[in-house]
Amino acid sequence: MKARSLFLSCVTVLVMCWSNVLFADNVDPVEPDQLEVTVNINQADAETLASVLTGVGISRAEAIVNYREKNGKFFSAEELSAVRGIGMSTIEKNEGRIVVK
């Protein structure tokens, strides 16, 4: 009888230990290119803006910085459309990357 109780106790412990593994959700690993990088358009320099924003080169990034210095900070991402060379399509491409603080 003791051997049977010991055996059942061991099986119970093993089942309890492995239940987390057996019932765990499958989680897909995150690829580095899936991580969304953000940039604060009110603080970033031209090089940072050009490297983070899709479709924005160094000349457009410098235009953003010049506009910001002349007119003050941006209150929304859509205000970037006032910068020459930045259209709504560029803003839409970078919707998740633009931060305004």
Protein backbone atom coordinates (compact mmCIF):
# COMPACT_ATOMS: atom_id res chain seq x y z
CA MET A 1 0.00 0.00 0.00
CA LYS A 2 2.84 2.41 0.79
CA ALA A 3 4.46 1.81 -2.59
CA ARG A 4 1.21 2.57 -4.37
CA SER A 5 0.71 5.81 -2.40
CA LEU A 6 4.29 6.84 -3.08
CA PHE A 7 3.86 6.12 -6.78
CA LEU A 8 0.59 8.10 -6.96
CA SER A 9 2.20 11.00 -5.09
CA CYS A 10 5.10 11.08 -7.53
CA VAL A 11 2.77 10.97 -10.54
CA THR A 12 0.66 13.77 -9.06
CA VAL A 13 3.72 15.96 -8.48
CA LEU A 14 4.97 15.34 -12.02
CA VAL A 15 1.57 16.17 -13.52
CA MET A 16 1.39 19.38 -11.50
CA CYS A 17 4.90 20.40 -12.52
CA TRP A 18 4.33 19.73 -16.22
CA SER A 19 0.81 21.18 -16.40
CA ASN A 20 2.23 24.68 -16.98
CA VAL A 21 4.22 23.40 -19.92
CA LEU A 22 1.36 21.39 -21.35
CA PHE A 23 -1.20 24.19 -21.12
CA ALA A 24 1.02 27.15 -21.97
CA ASP A 25 -0.03 29.34 -24.89
CA ASN A 26 2.13 29.29 -27.96
CA VAL A 27 3.79 32.68 -28.24
CA ASP A 28 5.45 33.68 -31.47
CA PRO A 29 8.86 35.26 -30.99
CA VAL A 30 9.11 38.93 -31.93
CA GLU A 31 11.45 39.65 -34.78
CA PRO A 32 13.61 42.79 -34.45
CA ASP A 33 12.08 44.28 -37.59
CA GLN A 34 8.60 43.94 -36.06
CA LEU A 35 9.43 46.29 -33.20
CA GLU A 36 8.05 49.76 -33.78
CA VAL A 37 10.55 52.53 -33.16
CA THR A 38 9.12 55.92 -32.24
CA VAL A 39 10.47 59.45 -32.47
CA ASN A 40 9.36 62.62 -30.73
CA ILE A 41 9.10 65.15 -33.55
CA ASN A 42 9.37 68.05 -31.08
CA GLN A 43 12.77 66.99 -29.72
CA ALA A 44 14.57 64.86 -32.29
CA ASP A 45 17.37 66.18 -34.44
CA ALA A 46 17.39 65.88 -38.23
CA GLU A 47 19.56 62.75 -38.29
CA THR A 48 17.23 60.91 -35.91
CA LEU A 49 14.13 61.95 -37.83
CA ALA A 50 15.67 60.79 -41.11
CA SER A 51 16.70 57.44 -39.68
CA VAL A 52 13.38 56.62 -37.98
CA LEU A 53 10.75 58.03 -40.33
CA THR A 54 10.00 56.15 -43.54
CA GLY A 55 10.18 58.31 -46.66
CA VAL A 56 11.94 61.16 -44.87
CA GLY A 57 15.48 61.88 -45.93
CA ILE A 58 17.95 64.27 -44.36
CA SER A 59 16.71 67.32 -46.30
CA ARG A 60 13.08 66.78 -45.27
CA ALA A 61 14.17 66.07 -41.71
CA GLU A 62 16.10 69.36 -41.67
CA ALA A 63 12.97 71.09 -43.01
CA ILE A 64 11.00 69.62 -40.08
CA VAL A 65 13.56 70.89 -37.57
CA ASN A 66 13.67 74.35 -39.22
CA TYR A 67 9.88 74.58 -39.23
CA ARG A 68 9.76 73.56 -35.58
CA GLU A 69 12.38 76.18 -34.61
CA LYS A 70 10.54 78.90 -36.53
CA ASN A 71 6.92 78.06 -35.63
CA GLY A 72 7.14 76.22 -32.32
CA LYS A 73 6.35 72.67 -31.35
CA PHE A 74 3.92 70.38 -33.13
CA PHE A 75 0.68 69.47 -31.36
CA SER A 76 -0.25 66.59 -33.66
CA ALA A 77 1.39 64.44 -36.30
CA GLU A 78 -0.92 65.91 -38.94
CA GLU A 79 0.73 69.31 -38.47
CA LEU A 80 3.78 67.90 -40.23
CA SER A 81 1.87 68.39 -43.48
CA ALA A 82 2.61 72.13 -43.13
CA VAL A 83 6.29 71.32 -43.72
CA ARG A 84 7.24 71.53 -47.38
CA GLY A 85 7.79 68.04 -48.81
CA ILE A 86 5.82 66.24 -46.08
CA GLY A 87 2.41 65.06 -47.23
CA MET A 88 -0.36 63.11 -45.58
CA SER A 89 0.84 59.89 -47.22
CA THR A 90 4.20 60.24 -45.45
CA ILE A 91 2.42 60.93 -42.17
CA GLU A 92 0.18 57.89 -42.65
CA LYS A 93 3.19 55.64 -43.37
CA ASN A 94 4.74 56.74 -40.08
CA GLU A 95 1.59 56.84 -37.99
CA GLY A 96 2.90 54.48 -35.30
CA ARG A 97 6.36 56.03 -35.25
CA ILE A 98 5.50 59.69 -34.64
CA VAL A 99 5.20 60.85 -31.04
CA VAL A 100 4.22 64.38 -30.04
CA LYS A 101 5.10 65.38 -26.47
